[in-house]
Amino acid sequence: METLKKIFPLSFRRTDSVANLIVGILIYVLAGIVVGALIWLATAITGWLPLVGGIIGWALGVVSTLIEVYIVAGIVIQILVFAKVIKD
């Protein structure tokens, strides 16, 4: 449980009321939108490079997928902590 608290600190902080739960979920969603936009911009900038752009685009795709998984897992953990399925 301590490992989850270290990896997903926001999921365990904002669980005392419905309003805080919604704010915590919105923080995750907004972080995902910002990071997604930055990755899209970096991919668009490097897209015109023939070989290097492909490699960088692939790496950015992997990073984007990992960030999306982190965000979804954080939201799910936050809901489970709020519902008292996971004890904090």
C-alpha atoms as a PDB file:
ATOM      1  CA  MET A   1       0.000   0.000   0.000  1.00  0.00           C
ATOM      2  CA  GLU A   2       2.876   2.368   0.758  1.00  0.00           C
ATOM      3  CA  THR A   3       4.197   1.858  -2.757  1.00  0.00           C
ATOM      4  CA  LEU A   4       0.849   2.906  -4.228  1.00  0.00           C
ATOM      5  CA  LYS A   5       0.838   5.992  -2.020  1.00  0.00           C
ATOM      6  CA  LYS A   6       4.296   6.951  -3.310  1.00  0.00           C
ATOM      7  CA  ILE A   7       3.447   6.358  -6.973  1.00  0.00           C
ATOM      8  CA  PHE A   8      -0.057   7.915  -6.876  1.00  0.00           C
ATOM      9  CA  PRO A   9       0.047  10.570  -4.133  1.00  0.00           C
ATOM     10  CA  LEU A  10      -2.901  12.566  -5.491  1.00  0.00           C
ATOM     11  CA  SER A  11      -5.159   9.511  -5.450  1.00  0.00           C
ATOM     12  CA  PHE A  12      -4.871   9.219  -1.679  1.00  0.00           C
ATOM     13  CA  ARG A  13      -5.120  12.939  -0.811  1.00  0.00           C
ATOM     14  CA  ARG A  14      -8.400  14.065  -2.312  1.00  0.00           C
ATOM     15  CA  THR A  15     -10.855  11.474  -1.026  1.00  0.00           C
ATOM     16  CA  ASP A  16     -12.638  13.091   1.923  1.00  0.00           C
ATOM     17  CA  SER A  17     -15.615  14.497  -0.012  1.00  0.00           C
ATOM     18  CA  VAL A  18     -17.287  14.245  -3.390  1.00  0.00           C
ATOM     19  CA  ALA A  19     -16.132  17.750  -4.306  1.00  0.00           C
ATOM     20  CA  ASN A  20     -12.502  16.853  -3.576  1.00  0.00           C
ATOM     21  CA  LEU A  21     -12.906  13.626  -5.547  1.00  0.00           C
ATOM     22  CA  ILE A  22     -14.126  15.574  -8.571  1.00  0.00           C
ATOM     23  CA  VAL A  23     -11.292  18.097  -8.212  1.00  0.00           C
ATOM     24  CA  GLY A  24      -8.739  15.277  -8.024  1.00  0.00           C
ATOM     25  CA  ILE A  25     -10.164  13.622 -11.136  1.00  0.00           C
ATOM     26  CA  LEU A  26     -10.150  16.957 -12.966  1.00  0.00           C
ATOM     27  CA  ILE A  27      -6.494  17.453 -12.039  1.00  0.00           C
ATOM     28  CA  TYR A  28      -5.659  14.079 -13.563  1.00  0.00           C
ATOM     29  CA  VAL A  29      -7.686  14.846 -16.706  1.00  0.00           C
ATOM     30  CA  LEU A  30      -6.165  18.308 -17.164  1.00  0.00           C
ATOM     31  CA  ALA A  31      -2.660  16.924 -16.648  1.00  0.00           C
ATOM     32  CA  GLY A  32      -3.387  14.350 -19.334  1.00  0.00           C
ATOM     33  CA  ILE A  33      -4.625  17.008 -21.741  1.00  0.00           C
ATOM     34  CA  VAL A  34      -1.579  19.223 -21.178  1.00  0.00           C
ATOM     35  CA  VAL A  35       0.919  16.380 -21.527  1.00  0.00           C
ATOM     36  CA  GLY A  36      -0.926  15.046 -24.575  1.00  0.00           C
ATOM     37  CA  ALA A  37      -0.803  18.467 -26.233  1.00  0.00           C
ATOM     38  CA  LEU A  38       2.921  18.789 -25.520  1.00  0.00           C
ATOM     39  CA  ILE A  39       3.629  15.340 -26.924  1.00  0.00           C
ATOM     40  CA  TRP A  40       1.506  16.083 -29.984  1.00  0.00           C
ATOM     41  CA  LEU A  41       3.418  19.336 -30.531  1.00  0.00           C
ATOM     42  CA  ALA A  42       6.781  17.589 -30.179  1.00  0.00           C
ATOM     43  CA  THR A  43       5.683  14.883 -32.612  1.00  0.00           C
ATOM     44  CA  ALA A  44       4.466  17.488 -35.102  1.00  0.00           C
ATOM     45  CA  ILE A  45       7.748  19.395 -34.878  1.00  0.00           C
ATOM     46  CA  THR A  46       9.925  16.320 -35.355  1.00  0.00           C
ATOM     47  CA  GLY A  47       7.603  14.751 -37.940  1.00  0.00           C
ATOM     48  CA  TRP A  48       9.326  16.375 -40.894  1.00  0.00           C
ATOM     49  CA  LEU A  49      12.656  14.658 -40.111  1.00  0.00           C
ATOM     50  CA  PRO A  50      12.776  11.433 -42.146  1.00  0.00           C
ATOM     51  CA  LEU A  51      14.547   8.876 -39.947  1.00  0.00           C
ATOM     52  CA  VAL A  52      15.021  10.700 -36.663  1.00  0.00           C
ATOM     53  CA  GLY A  53      11.440  11.949 -36.662  1.00  0.00           C
ATOM     54  CA  GLY A  54      10.134   8.402 -36.930  1.00  0.00           C
ATOM     55  CA  ILE A  55      12.231   7.195 -34.019  1.00  0.00           C
ATOM     56  CA  ILE A  56      11.344  10.203 -31.881  1.00  0.00           C
ATOM     57  CA  GLY A  57       7.680   9.875 -32.817  1.00  0.00           C
ATOM     58  CA  TRP A  58       7.704   6.207 -31.797  1.00  0.00           C
ATOM     59  CA  ALA A  59       9.392   7.032 -28.469  1.00  0.00           C
ATOM     60  CA  LEU A  60       6.926   9.832 -27.802  1.00  0.00           C
ATOM     61  CA  GLY A  61       4.084   7.424 -28.571  1.00  0.00           C
ATOM     62  CA  VAL A  62       5.397   5.016 -25.941  1.00  0.00           C
ATOM     63  CA  VAL A  63       5.737   7.830 -23.400  1.00  0.00           C
ATOM     64  CA  SER A  64       2.232   9.042 -24.215  1.00  0.00           C
ATOM     65  CA  THR A  65       0.798   5.564 -23.672  1.00  0.00           C
ATOM     66  CA  LEU A  66       2.562   5.207 -20.319  1.00  0.00           C
ATOM     67  CA  ILE A  67       1.251   8.584 -19.178  1.00  0.00           C
ATOM     68  CA  GLU A  68      -2.292   7.656 -20.233  1.00  0.00           C
ATOM     69  CA  VAL A  69      -2.074   4.398 -18.273  1.00  0.00           C
ATOM     70  CA  TYR A  70      -0.782   6.318 -15.221  1.00  0.00           C
ATOM     71  CA  ILE A  71      -3.659   8.789 -15.417  1.00  0.00           C
ATOM     72  CA  VAL A  72      -6.339   6.127 -15.795  1.00  0.00           C
ATOM     73  CA  ALA A  73      -4.832   4.066 -12.968  1.00  0.00           C
ATOM     74  CA  GLY A  74      -4.671   7.165 -10.765  1.00  0.00           C
ATOM     75  CA  ILE A  75      -8.330   7.943 -11.357  1.00  0.00           C
ATOM     76  CA  VAL A  76      -9.378   4.339 -10.704  1.00  0.00           C
ATOM     77  CA  ILE A  77      -7.315   4.176  -7.494  1.00  0.00           C
ATOM     78  CA  GLN A  78      -8.757   7.495  -6.334  1.00  0.00           C
ATOM     79  CA  ILE A  79     -12.304   6.229  -6.855  1.00  0.00           C
ATOM     80  CA  LEU A  80     -11.501   2.967  -5.058  1.00  0.00           C
ATOM     81  CA  VAL A  81     -10.013   4.856  -2.104  1.00  0.00           C
ATOM     82  CA  PHE A  82     -13.063   7.132  -1.997  1.00  0.00           C
ATOM     83  CA  ALA A  83     -15.370   4.081  -2.010  1.00  0.00           C
ATOM     84  CA  LYS A  84     -13.293   2.583   0.828  1.00  0.00           C
ATOM     85  CA  VAL A  85     -12.361  -0.460  -1.266  1.00  0.00           C
ATOM     86  CA  ILE A  86      -8.699   0.444  -0.747  1.00  0.00           C
ATOM     87  CA  LYS A  87      -7.824   1.563   2.765  1.00  0.00           C
ATOM     88  CA  ASP A  88      -5.570   4.615   2.979  1.00  0.00           C
END
